């Protein structure tokens, strides 16, 4: 039967890539659930959904002068805390968390970039932020593997083909089950599941 042949060939060819997708997806899920402070209680990049009351407690955006002062404090603190960082570039991301104004400062670029989180007002290093950043970096890397983006266009096409093979396996599996059920019912065996 042609459907059975297609099912077997697609299943045999796809099983390595399906295992790869399952493994990377499972590791992403474990990483997200193990780091609820970073990814939210339910995992995922979006983080926790904020209630209306939480949004009402947000402070207005600081003035440009205050932003400049916070950026300068953060950059100075990062340069002091990371004396070996190459200053080929700098990036500062200011945000508020748990009532504190924080800054993620990245010094350098590419594989030589070093990142640190500091209090934007005092310049003090924020403990625990490195672990959170490591979890985000791991997640980003795993998602690049999981989506095939790490392999460029060829990697993405391979993942697309794997997804299409799963769809093919589902359709041909249902087809085979219905065909076997039809033949069993014709013989008077009316069980939905059989062993």
N, C-alpha and C. Protein backbone atom coordinates (compact mmCIF):
# COMPACT_ATOMS: atom_id res chain seq x y z
N UNK A 1 0.84 -1.17 0.00
CA UNK A 1 0.00 0.00 0.00
C UNK A 1 0.89 1.24 0.00
N UNK A 2 0.59 2.21 -0.85
CA UNK A 2 1.41 3.40 -1.04
C UNK A 2 1.46 4.25 0.24
N UNK A 3 0.34 4.41 0.92
CA UNK A 3 0.31 5.26 2.13
C UNK A 3 1.24 4.68 3.20
N UNK A 4 1.23 3.35 3.35
CA UNK A 4 2.09 2.72 4.35
C UNK A 4 3.56 2.93 3.99
N UNK A 5 3.89 2.83 2.73
CA UNK A 5 5.27 3.05 2.27
C UNK A 5 5.70 4.49 2.55
N UNK A 6 4.83 5.44 2.22
CA UNK A 6 5.14 6.85 2.49
C UNK A 6 5.35 7.07 3.99
N UNK A 7 4.45 6.49 4.79
CA UNK A 7 4.53 6.65 6.24
C UNK A 7 5.85 6.11 6.78
N UNK A 8 6.24 4.95 6.32
CA UNK A 8 7.49 4.35 6.81
C UNK A 8 8.72 5.13 6.36
N UNK A 9 8.76 5.54 5.10
CA UNK A 9 9.92 6.27 4.61
C UNK A 9 10.06 7.64 5.26
N UNK A 10 8.96 8.34 5.37
CA UNK A 10 9.01 9.67 6.01
C UNK A 10 9.38 9.52 7.49
N UNK A 11 8.79 8.54 8.16
CA UNK A 11 9.09 8.32 9.58
C UNK A 11 10.54 7.97 9.80
N UNK A 12 11.08 7.10 8.97
CA UNK A 12 12.48 6.70 9.11
C UNK A 12 13.41 7.87 8.84
N UNK A 13 13.13 8.62 7.81
CA UNK A 13 14.00 9.75 7.46
C UNK A 13 13.92 10.90 8.45
N UNK A 14 12.76 11.10 9.05
CA UNK A 14 12.56 12.27 9.91
C UNK A 14 12.89 12.03 11.38
N UNK A 15 13.04 10.76 11.80
CA UNK A 15 13.12 10.52 13.23
C UNK A 15 14.31 11.21 13.91
N UNK A 16 15.43 11.35 13.25
CA UNK A 16 16.58 12.02 13.85
C UNK A 16 16.28 13.49 14.05
N UNK A 17 15.68 14.13 13.06
CA UNK A 17 15.40 15.55 13.15
C UNK A 17 14.25 15.84 14.10
N UNK A 18 13.29 14.94 14.17
CA UNK A 18 12.20 15.10 15.13
C UNK A 18 12.76 14.98 16.55
N UNK A 19 13.65 14.05 16.78
CA UNK A 19 14.28 13.91 18.10
C UNK A 19 15.06 15.19 18.44
N UNK A 20 15.73 15.76 17.46
CA UNK A 20 16.46 17.01 17.64
C UNK A 20 15.51 18.14 18.05
N UNK A 21 14.38 18.27 17.36
CA UNK A 21 13.41 19.30 17.69
C UNK A 21 12.83 19.10 19.09
N UNK A 22 12.52 17.86 19.41
CA UNK A 22 11.95 17.56 20.73
C UNK A 22 12.98 17.87 21.82
N UNK A 23 14.22 17.50 21.60
CA UNK A 23 15.26 17.74 22.62
C UNK A 23 15.49 19.24 22.84
N UNK A 24 15.65 20.00 21.77
CA UNK A 24 15.90 21.43 21.94
C UNK A 24 14.68 22.13 22.52
N UNK A 25 13.50 21.76 22.07
CA UNK A 25 12.28 22.35 22.63
C UNK A 25 12.11 22.03 24.10
N UNK A 26 12.43 20.81 24.49
CA UNK A 26 12.32 20.41 25.90
C UNK A 26 13.32 21.18 26.76
N UNK A 27 14.53 21.36 26.28
CA UNK A 27 15.53 22.11 27.04
C UNK A 27 15.11 23.57 27.19
N UNK A 28 14.55 24.15 26.13
CA UNK A 28 14.04 25.52 26.21
C UNK A 28 12.96 25.62 27.28
N UNK A 29 12.02 24.66 27.27
CA UNK A 29 10.93 24.68 28.25
C UNK A 29 11.46 24.55 29.68
N UNK A 30 12.41 23.64 29.89
CA UNK A 30 12.98 23.46 31.24
C UNK A 30 13.69 24.74 31.67
N UNK A 31 14.46 25.35 30.79
CA UNK A 31 15.16 26.59 31.11
C UNK A 31 14.18 27.70 31.49
N UNK A 32 13.08 27.81 30.75
CA UNK A 32 12.10 28.85 31.04
C UNK A 32 11.39 28.60 32.36
N UNK A 33 11.02 27.36 32.63
CA UNK A 33 10.33 27.06 33.88
C UNK A 33 11.27 27.13 35.08
N UNK A 34 12.56 26.86 34.87
CA UNK A 34 13.52 26.91 35.97
C UNK A 34 13.91 28.35 36.32
N UNK A 35 13.58 29.29 35.46
CA UNK A 35 13.93 30.69 35.68
C UNK A 35 12.69 31.58 35.60
N UNK A 36 11.73 31.42 36.52
CA UNK A 36 10.49 32.18 36.44
C UNK A 36 10.70 33.69 36.62
N UNK A 37 11.75 34.09 37.31
CA UNK A 37 11.99 35.52 37.48
C UNK A 37 12.37 36.18 36.16
N UNK A 38 12.92 35.39 35.25
CA UNK A 38 13.35 35.93 33.96
C UNK A 38 12.25 35.80 32.91
N UNK A 39 11.61 34.63 32.86
CA UNK A 39 10.67 34.34 31.78
C UNK A 39 9.21 34.41 32.20
N UNK A 40 8.92 34.66 33.48
CA UNK A 40 7.55 34.67 33.95
C UNK A 40 7.19 33.30 34.50
N UNK A 41 6.12 33.25 35.26
CA UNK A 41 5.75 32.01 35.95
C UNK A 41 5.42 30.89 34.99
N UNK A 42 4.90 31.19 33.82
CA UNK A 42 4.53 30.15 32.87
C UNK A 42 5.56 29.89 31.80
N UNK A 43 6.72 30.53 31.89
CA UNK A 43 7.73 30.38 30.85
C UNK A 43 7.40 31.28 29.67
N UNK A 44 8.26 31.28 28.68
CA UNK A 44 8.02 32.09 27.48
C UNK A 44 8.73 33.43 27.57
N UNK A 45 9.01 33.99 26.42
CA UNK A 45 9.78 35.23 26.37
C UNK A 45 8.99 36.44 26.86
N UNK A 46 7.66 36.39 26.80
CA UNK A 46 6.87 37.56 27.14
C UNK A 46 6.92 37.94 28.59
N UNK A 47 7.23 37.01 29.47
CA UNK A 47 7.23 37.30 30.89
C UNK A 47 5.81 37.36 31.42
N UNK A 48 5.67 37.66 32.70
CA UNK A 48 4.34 37.65 33.31
C UNK A 48 3.48 38.79 32.79
N UNK A 49 2.19 38.55 32.73
CA UNK A 49 1.24 39.58 32.32
C UNK A 49 1.04 40.52 33.50
N UNK A 50 1.15 41.81 33.25
CA UNK A 50 1.01 42.79 34.33
C UNK A 50 -0.45 43.23 34.44
N UNK A 51 -0.91 43.32 35.67
CA UNK A 51 -2.29 43.73 35.91
C UNK A 51 -2.42 45.24 35.74
N UNK A 52 -3.67 45.70 35.69
CA UNK A 52 -3.93 47.13 35.57
C UNK A 52 -3.36 47.88 36.78
N UNK A 53 -3.48 47.28 37.98
CA UNK A 53 -2.95 47.91 39.19
C UNK A 53 -1.43 48.04 39.12
N UNK A 54 -0.77 47.02 38.58
CA UNK A 54 0.69 47.10 38.46
C UNK A 54 1.09 48.17 37.46
N UNK A 55 0.36 48.27 36.35
CA UNK A 55 0.68 49.29 35.36
C UNK A 55 0.40 50.69 35.90
N UNK A 56 -0.63 50.82 36.75
CA UNK A 56 -0.97 52.13 37.33
C UNK A 56 0.14 52.62 38.25
N UNK A 57 0.91 51.70 38.83
CA UNK A 57 2.01 52.08 39.72
C UNK A 57 3.27 52.49 38.99
N UNK A 58 3.28 52.40 37.67
CA UNK A 58 4.47 52.79 36.91
C UNK A 58 4.74 54.28 37.07
N UNK A 59 6.02 54.59 37.14
CA UNK A 59 6.41 55.99 37.23
C UNK A 59 6.53 56.56 35.82
N UNK A 60 6.39 57.87 35.69
CA UNK A 60 6.55 58.48 34.36
C UNK A 60 8.01 58.35 33.90
N UNK A 61 8.21 58.49 32.62
CA UNK A 61 9.56 58.43 32.06
C UNK A 61 10.37 59.59 32.62
N UNK A 62 11.60 59.31 33.07
CA UNK A 62 12.44 60.39 33.62
C UNK A 62 12.75 61.44 32.56
N UNK A 63 13.16 62.60 33.02
CA UNK A 63 13.52 63.68 32.11
C UNK A 63 14.80 63.30 31.35
N UNK A 64 15.05 63.97 30.23
CA UNK A 64 16.29 63.68 29.49
C UNK A 64 17.55 63.89 30.34
N UNK A 65 17.55 64.88 31.20
CA UNK A 65 18.70 65.13 32.06
C UNK A 65 18.90 63.95 33.03
N UNK A 66 17.79 63.45 33.62
CA UNK A 66 17.89 62.31 34.53
C UNK A 66 18.35 61.05 33.78
N UNK A 67 17.85 60.87 32.56
CA UNK A 67 18.27 59.72 31.75
C UNK A 67 19.77 59.79 31.45
N UNK A 68 20.25 60.98 31.09
CA UNK A 68 21.68 61.16 30.84
C UNK A 68 22.51 60.83 32.07
N UNK A 69 22.05 61.29 33.24
CA UNK A 69 22.77 61.04 34.49
C UNK A 69 22.79 59.53 34.81
N UNK A 70 21.64 58.86 34.62
CA UNK A 70 21.59 57.42 34.89
C UNK A 70 22.49 56.65 33.92
N UNK A 71 22.47 57.03 32.65
CA UNK A 71 23.32 56.35 31.66
C UNK A 71 24.79 56.55 31.98
N UNK A 72 25.16 57.76 32.38
CA UNK A 72 26.56 58.04 32.73
C UNK A 72 26.97 57.25 33.96
N UNK A 73 26.10 57.20 34.97
CA UNK A 73 26.41 56.44 36.19
C UNK A 73 26.58 54.96 35.86
N UNK A 74 25.68 54.43 35.04
CA UNK A 74 25.74 53.01 34.68
C UNK A 74 27.00 52.70 33.88
N UNK A 75 27.34 53.56 32.93
CA UNK A 75 28.53 53.33 32.11
C UNK A 75 29.80 53.40 32.95
N UNK A 76 29.88 54.39 33.85
CA UNK A 76 31.04 54.52 34.73
C UNK A 76 31.18 53.29 35.63
N UNK A 77 30.06 52.85 36.20
CA UNK A 77 30.08 51.67 37.08
C UNK A 77 30.51 50.43 36.31
N UNK A 78 29.99 50.25 35.10
CA UNK A 78 30.35 49.08 34.30
C UNK A 78 31.83 49.09 33.95
N UNK A 79 32.35 50.26 33.61
CA UNK A 79 33.77 50.37 33.28
C UNK A 79 34.63 50.03 34.50
N UNK A 80 34.18 50.45 35.69
CA UNK A 80 34.92 50.13 36.91
C UNK A 80 34.83 48.65 37.26
N UNK A 81 33.65 48.06 37.08
CA UNK A 81 33.42 46.66 37.46
C UNK A 81 33.96 45.67 36.42
N UNK A 82 34.13 46.13 35.19
CA UNK A 82 34.66 45.27 34.12
C UNK A 82 35.91 45.93 33.54
N UNK A 83 36.99 46.01 34.30
CA UNK A 83 38.17 46.74 33.83
C UNK A 83 38.83 46.13 32.60
N UNK A 84 38.63 44.84 32.35
CA UNK A 84 39.28 44.20 31.21
C UNK A 84 38.42 44.23 29.94
N UNK A 85 37.23 44.79 30.02
CA UNK A 85 36.33 44.82 28.85
C UNK A 85 36.91 45.74 27.79
N UNK A 86 36.76 45.32 26.54
CA UNK A 86 37.23 46.14 25.42
C UNK A 86 36.16 47.18 25.11
N UNK A 87 36.54 48.41 25.05
CA UNK A 87 35.58 49.47 24.79
C UNK A 87 35.48 49.74 23.29
N UNK A 88 35.10 48.70 22.54
CA UNK A 88 34.88 48.88 21.10
C UNK A 88 33.44 49.30 20.84
N UNK A 89 32.63 49.24 21.86
CA UNK A 89 31.23 49.66 21.75
C UNK A 89 30.60 49.59 23.13
N UNK A 90 29.53 50.32 23.31
CA UNK A 90 28.81 50.29 24.58
C UNK A 90 27.32 50.40 24.30
N UNK A 91 26.55 49.65 25.04
CA UNK A 91 25.10 49.70 24.92
C UNK A 91 24.52 49.71 26.33
N UNK A 92 23.57 50.60 26.55
CA UNK A 92 22.94 50.72 27.87
C UNK A 92 21.43 50.58 27.70
N UNK A 93 20.85 49.67 28.49
CA UNK A 93 19.40 49.50 28.48
C UNK A 93 18.88 49.80 29.87
N UNK A 94 18.12 50.88 30.00
CA UNK A 94 17.56 51.28 31.28
C UNK A 94 16.15 50.72 31.42
N UNK A 95 15.81 50.23 32.62
CA UNK A 95 14.47 49.72 32.88
C UNK A 95 14.22 49.71 34.37
N UNK A 96 12.97 49.49 34.74
CA UNK A 96 12.61 49.46 36.15
C UNK A 96 12.14 48.06 36.50
N UNK A 97 12.61 47.55 37.66
CA UNK A 97 12.17 46.26 38.16
C UNK A 97 12.16 46.30 39.68
N UNK A 98 11.08 45.85 40.24
CA UNK A 98 10.92 45.82 41.70
C UNK A 98 11.20 47.18 42.33
N UNK A 99 10.75 48.23 41.67
CA UNK A 99 10.90 49.57 42.22
C UNK A 99 12.27 50.18 42.06
N UNK A 100 13.18 49.50 41.40
CA UNK A 100 14.54 50.01 41.19
C UNK A 100 14.77 50.30 39.72
N UNK A 101 15.54 51.34 39.47
CA UNK A 101 15.93 51.66 38.10
C UNK A 101 17.25 50.96 37.82
N UNK A 102 17.21 50.02 36.89
CA UNK A 102 18.40 49.21 36.57
C UNK A 102 18.90 49.52 35.18
N UNK A 103 20.14 49.15 34.95
CA UNK A 103 20.74 49.33 33.63
C UNK A 103 21.53 48.08 33.27
N UNK A 104 21.22 47.52 32.12
CA UNK A 104 22.05 46.47 31.54
C UNK A 104 23.07 47.18 30.66
N UNK A 105 24.34 47.01 30.97
CA UNK A 105 25.39 47.68 30.21
C UNK A 105 26.22 46.61 29.52
N UNK A 106 26.35 46.75 28.21
CA UNK A 106 27.18 45.84 27.42
C UNK A 106 28.37 46.63 26.91
N UNK A 107 29.55 46.16 27.25
CA UNK A 107 30.79 46.78 26.78
C UNK A 107 31.45 45.85 25.78
N UNK A 108 31.96 46.40 24.71
CA UNK A 108 32.57 45.58 23.68
C UNK A 108 31.52 45.15 22.68
N UNK A 109 31.91 44.27 21.77
CA UNK A 109 30.97 43.81 20.76
C UNK A 109 31.32 42.39 20.35
N UNK A 110 30.35 41.75 19.73
CA UNK A 110 30.56 40.39 19.25
C UNK A 110 30.84 39.42 20.37
N UNK A 111 31.72 38.46 20.11
CA UNK A 111 32.01 37.44 21.11
C UNK A 111 32.80 37.98 22.29
N UNK A 112 33.34 39.18 22.16
CA UNK A 112 34.12 39.77 23.25
C UNK A 112 33.28 40.70 24.12
N UNK A 113 31.98 40.78 23.86
CA UNK A 113 31.12 41.66 24.64
C UNK A 113 30.95 41.13 26.06
N UNK A 114 30.96 42.03 27.02
CA UNK A 114 30.72 41.69 28.42
C UNK A 114 29.54 42.51 28.89
N UNK A 115 28.64 41.85 29.63
CA UNK A 115 27.42 42.51 30.06
C UNK A 115 27.30 42.45 31.58
N UNK A 116 26.82 43.53 32.15
CA UNK A 116 26.64 43.61 33.60
C UNK A 116 25.38 44.42 33.87
N UNK A 117 24.73 44.11 34.99
CA UNK A 117 23.55 44.86 35.40
C UNK A 117 23.90 45.65 36.65
N UNK A 118 23.61 46.95 36.61
CA UNK A 118 23.91 47.82 37.74
C UNK A 118 22.67 48.65 38.09
N UNK A 119 22.65 49.17 39.31
CA UNK A 119 21.62 50.12 39.71
C UNK A 119 21.95 51.43 39.00
N UNK A 120 21.01 51.96 38.23
CA UNK A 120 21.30 53.14 37.41
C UNK A 120 21.47 54.40 38.24
N UNK A 121 20.99 54.40 39.48
CA UNK A 121 21.13 55.59 40.32
C UNK A 121 22.40 55.56 41.16
N UNK A 122 22.75 54.39 41.69
CA UNK A 122 23.92 54.30 42.58
C UNK A 122 25.15 53.72 41.89
N UNK A 123 24.95 52.95 40.83
CA UNK A 123 26.07 52.30 40.16
C UNK A 123 26.45 50.98 40.79
N UNK A 124 25.71 50.54 41.81
CA UNK A 124 26.03 49.27 42.48
C UNK A 124 25.65 48.10 41.57
N UNK A 125 26.47 47.07 41.61
CA UNK A 125 26.20 45.87 40.82
C UNK A 125 24.97 45.15 41.37
N UNK A 126 24.13 44.65 40.49
CA UNK A 126 22.93 43.93 40.90
C UNK A 126 23.26 42.44 40.90
N UNK A 127 23.17 41.83 42.06
CA UNK A 127 23.48 40.40 42.19
C UNK A 127 22.33 39.57 41.62
N UNK A 128 22.66 38.43 41.07
CA UNK A 128 21.66 37.54 40.50
C UNK A 128 21.33 37.86 39.06
N UNK A 129 21.71 39.05 38.61
CA UNK A 129 21.41 39.43 37.23
C UNK A 129 22.23 38.61 36.24
N UNK A 130 23.45 38.24 36.63
CA UNK A 130 24.29 37.46 35.72
C UNK A 130 23.66 36.11 35.42
N UNK A 131 23.05 35.49 36.45
CA UNK A 131 22.39 34.20 36.24
C UNK A 131 21.20 34.35 35.30
N UNK A 132 20.45 35.44 35.51
CA UNK A 132 19.29 35.69 34.64
C UNK A 132 19.75 35.92 33.20
N UNK A 133 20.83 36.68 33.04
CA UNK A 133 21.35 36.94 31.70
C UNK A 133 21.86 35.66 31.05
N UNK A 134 22.48 34.79 31.85
CA UNK A 134 22.95 33.51 31.31
C UNK A 134 21.78 32.66 30.85
N UNK A 135 20.67 32.68 31.61
CA UNK A 135 19.48 31.92 31.21
C UNK A 135 18.91 32.46 29.91
N UNK A 136 18.89 33.77 29.76
CA UNK A 136 18.37 34.37 28.52
C UNK A 136 19.28 34.03 27.34
N UNK A 137 20.61 34.11 27.57
CA UNK A 137 21.55 33.77 26.48
C UNK A 137 21.40 32.31 26.07
N UNK A 138 21.25 31.41 27.07
CA UNK A 138 21.06 29.99 26.75
C UNK A 138 19.79 29.80 25.96
N UNK A 139 18.72 30.47 26.38
CA UNK A 139 17.45 30.34 25.68
C UNK A 139 17.56 30.84 24.23
N UNK A 140 18.22 31.96 24.05
CA UNK A 140 18.38 32.52 22.71
C UNK A 140 19.16 31.56 21.82
N UNK A 141 20.24 31.00 22.36
CA UNK A 141 21.05 30.05 21.59
C UNK A 141 20.23 28.80 21.24
N UNK A 142 19.51 28.26 22.23
CA UNK A 142 18.70 27.07 21.98
C UNK A 142 17.60 27.34 20.97
N UNK A 143 17.00 28.53 21.03
CA UNK A 143 15.97 28.85 20.06
C UNK A 143 16.54 28.97 18.65
N UNK A 144 17.78 29.43 18.54
CA UNK A 144 18.42 29.47 17.22
C UNK A 144 18.66 28.06 16.69
N UNK A 145 19.04 27.13 17.59
CA UNK A 145 19.18 25.73 17.18
C UNK A 145 17.81 25.15 16.83
N UNK A 146 16.82 25.38 17.70
CA UNK A 146 15.49 24.80 17.55
C UNK A 146 14.82 25.26 16.25
N UNK A 147 15.00 26.52 15.89
CA UNK A 147 14.36 27.05 14.68
C UNK A 147 15.17 26.79 13.43
N UNK A 148 16.42 26.36 13.60
CA UNK A 148 17.28 26.13 12.45
C UNK A 148 18.04 27.38 12.01
N UNK A 149 17.80 28.52 12.70
CA UNK A 149 18.44 29.77 12.31
C UNK A 149 19.95 29.70 12.43
N UNK A 150 20.47 28.84 13.29
CA UNK A 150 21.91 28.70 13.47
C UNK A 150 22.58 28.20 12.18
N UNK A 151 21.80 27.49 11.35
CA UNK A 151 22.34 26.97 10.10
C UNK A 151 21.99 27.81 8.88
N UNK A 152 21.51 29.03 9.11
CA UNK A 152 21.14 29.90 8.00
C UNK A 152 19.92 29.37 7.26
N UNK A 153 19.85 29.68 5.98
CA UNK A 153 18.71 29.27 5.16
C UNK A 153 18.59 27.75 5.09
N UNK A 154 19.71 27.07 4.97
CA UNK A 154 19.68 25.60 4.90
C UNK A 154 19.10 25.00 6.19
N UNK A 155 19.50 25.56 7.33
CA UNK A 155 18.98 25.07 8.61
C UNK A 155 17.49 25.30 8.74
N UNK A 156 17.03 26.48 8.31
CA UNK A 156 15.60 26.78 8.38
C UNK A 156 14.80 25.86 7.46
N UNK A 157 15.35 25.60 6.28
CA UNK A 157 14.66 24.70 5.34
C UNK A 157 14.60 23.27 5.89
N UNK A 158 15.66 22.85 6.57
CA UNK A 158 15.68 21.51 7.18
C UNK A 158 14.62 21.41 8.27
N UNK A 159 14.49 22.43 9.10
CA UNK A 159 13.47 22.43 10.15
C UNK A 159 12.08 22.49 9.54
N UNK A 160 11.91 23.25 8.47
CA UNK A 160 10.62 23.29 7.77
C UNK A 160 10.28 21.90 7.22
N UNK A 161 11.25 21.24 6.63
CA UNK A 161 11.02 19.89 6.10
C UNK A 161 10.67 18.92 7.23
N UNK A 162 11.31 19.09 8.39
CA UNK A 162 11.00 18.25 9.54
C UNK A 162 9.56 18.47 9.99
N UNK A 163 9.15 19.72 10.05
CA UNK A 163 7.76 20.03 10.41
C UNK A 163 6.77 19.45 9.43
N UNK A 164 7.09 19.55 8.15
CA UNK A 164 6.21 18.98 7.11
C UNK A 164 6.18 17.46 7.20
N UNK A 165 7.31 16.86 7.59
CA UNK A 165 7.32 15.40 7.73
C UNK A 165 6.44 14.97 8.90
N UNK A 166 6.42 15.76 9.98
CA UNK A 166 5.51 15.45 11.09
C UNK A 166 4.05 15.53 10.64
N UNK A 167 3.74 16.53 9.86
CA UNK A 167 2.38 16.65 9.33
C UNK A 167 2.05 15.46 8.45
N UNK A 168 2.98 15.05 7.61
CA UNK A 168 2.79 13.88 6.75
C UNK A 168 2.57 12.62 7.58
N UNK A 169 3.37 12.46 8.65
CA UNK A 169 3.21 11.29 9.51
C UNK A 169 1.83 11.27 10.18
N UNK A 170 1.37 12.44 10.60
CA UNK A 170 0.03 12.50 11.21
C UNK A 170 -1.05 12.10 10.21
N UNK A 171 -1.01 12.66 9.02
CA UNK A 171 -2.03 12.38 8.01
C UNK A 171 -1.98 10.91 7.58
N UNK A 172 -0.79 10.41 7.28
CA UNK A 172 -0.71 9.01 6.84
C UNK A 172 -1.01 8.05 7.98
N UNK A 173 -0.66 8.40 9.21
CA UNK A 173 -1.00 7.56 10.37
C UNK A 173 -2.50 7.45 10.56
N UNK A 174 -3.20 8.57 10.44
CA UNK A 174 -4.67 8.54 10.54
C UNK A 174 -5.25 7.71 9.41
N UNK A 175 -4.72 7.91 8.21
CA UNK A 175 -5.19 7.15 7.04
C UNK A 175 -5.03 5.65 7.28
N UNK A 176 -3.84 5.26 7.76
CA UNK A 176 -3.58 3.83 8.02
C UNK A 176 -4.51 3.28 9.10
N UNK A 177 -4.71 4.06 10.17
CA UNK A 177 -5.59 3.60 11.25
C UNK A 177 -7.01 3.41 10.72
N UNK A 178 -7.51 4.38 9.98
CA UNK A 178 -8.88 4.27 9.46
C UNK A 178 -9.01 3.09 8.50
N UNK A 179 -7.97 2.84 7.71
CA UNK A 179 -8.01 1.70 6.79
C UNK A 179 -8.03 0.38 7.56
N UNK A 180 -7.18 0.27 8.60
CA UNK A 180 -7.17 -0.96 9.41
C UNK A 180 -8.50 -1.12 10.16
N UNK A 181 -9.04 -0.01 10.69
CA UNK A 181 -10.31 -0.08 11.42
C UNK A 181 -11.44 -0.52 10.49
N UNK A 182 -11.45 0.01 9.26
CA UNK A 182 -12.47 -0.37 8.28
C UNK A 182 -12.41 -1.87 7.99
N UNK A 183 -11.20 -2.40 7.81
CA UNK A 183 -11.05 -3.83 7.53
C UNK A 183 -11.45 -4.69 8.74
N UNK A 184 -11.10 -4.25 9.95
CA UNK A 184 -11.48 -5.00 11.16
C UNK A 184 -12.99 -4.98 11.35
N UNK A 185 -13.61 -3.84 11.10
CA UNK A 185 -15.05 -3.74 11.27
C UNK A 185 -15.77 -4.64 10.26
N UNK A 186 -15.18 -4.75 9.06
CA UNK A 186 -15.78 -5.62 8.04
C UNK A 186 -15.73 -7.09 8.48
N UNK A 187 -14.75 -7.43 9.34
CA UNK A 187 -14.64 -8.80 9.85
C UNK A 187 -15.46 -8.99 11.13
N UNK A 188 -16.16 -7.94 11.57
CA UNK A 188 -16.98 -8.05 12.76
C UNK A 188 -16.27 -7.66 14.05
N UNK A 189 -15.05 -7.21 13.96
CA UNK A 189 -14.29 -6.78 15.16
C UNK A 189 -14.42 -5.27 15.27
N UNK A 190 -15.23 -4.84 16.23
CA UNK A 190 -15.62 -3.43 16.31
C UNK A 190 -14.90 -2.63 17.40
N UNK A 191 -13.78 -3.14 17.96
CA UNK A 191 -13.05 -2.40 18.97
C UNK A 191 -12.40 -1.17 18.35
N UNK A 192 -12.41 -0.06 19.12
CA UNK A 192 -11.77 1.17 18.64
C UNK A 192 -10.25 1.02 18.73
N UNK A 193 -9.78 0.42 19.82
CA UNK A 193 -8.34 0.17 20.01
C UNK A 193 -8.13 -1.33 20.09
N UNK A 194 -7.04 -1.81 19.53
CA UNK A 194 -6.74 -3.24 19.59
C UNK A 194 -5.25 -3.41 19.82
N UNK A 195 -4.89 -4.58 20.25
CA UNK A 195 -3.49 -4.84 20.57
C UNK A 195 -2.88 -5.90 19.71
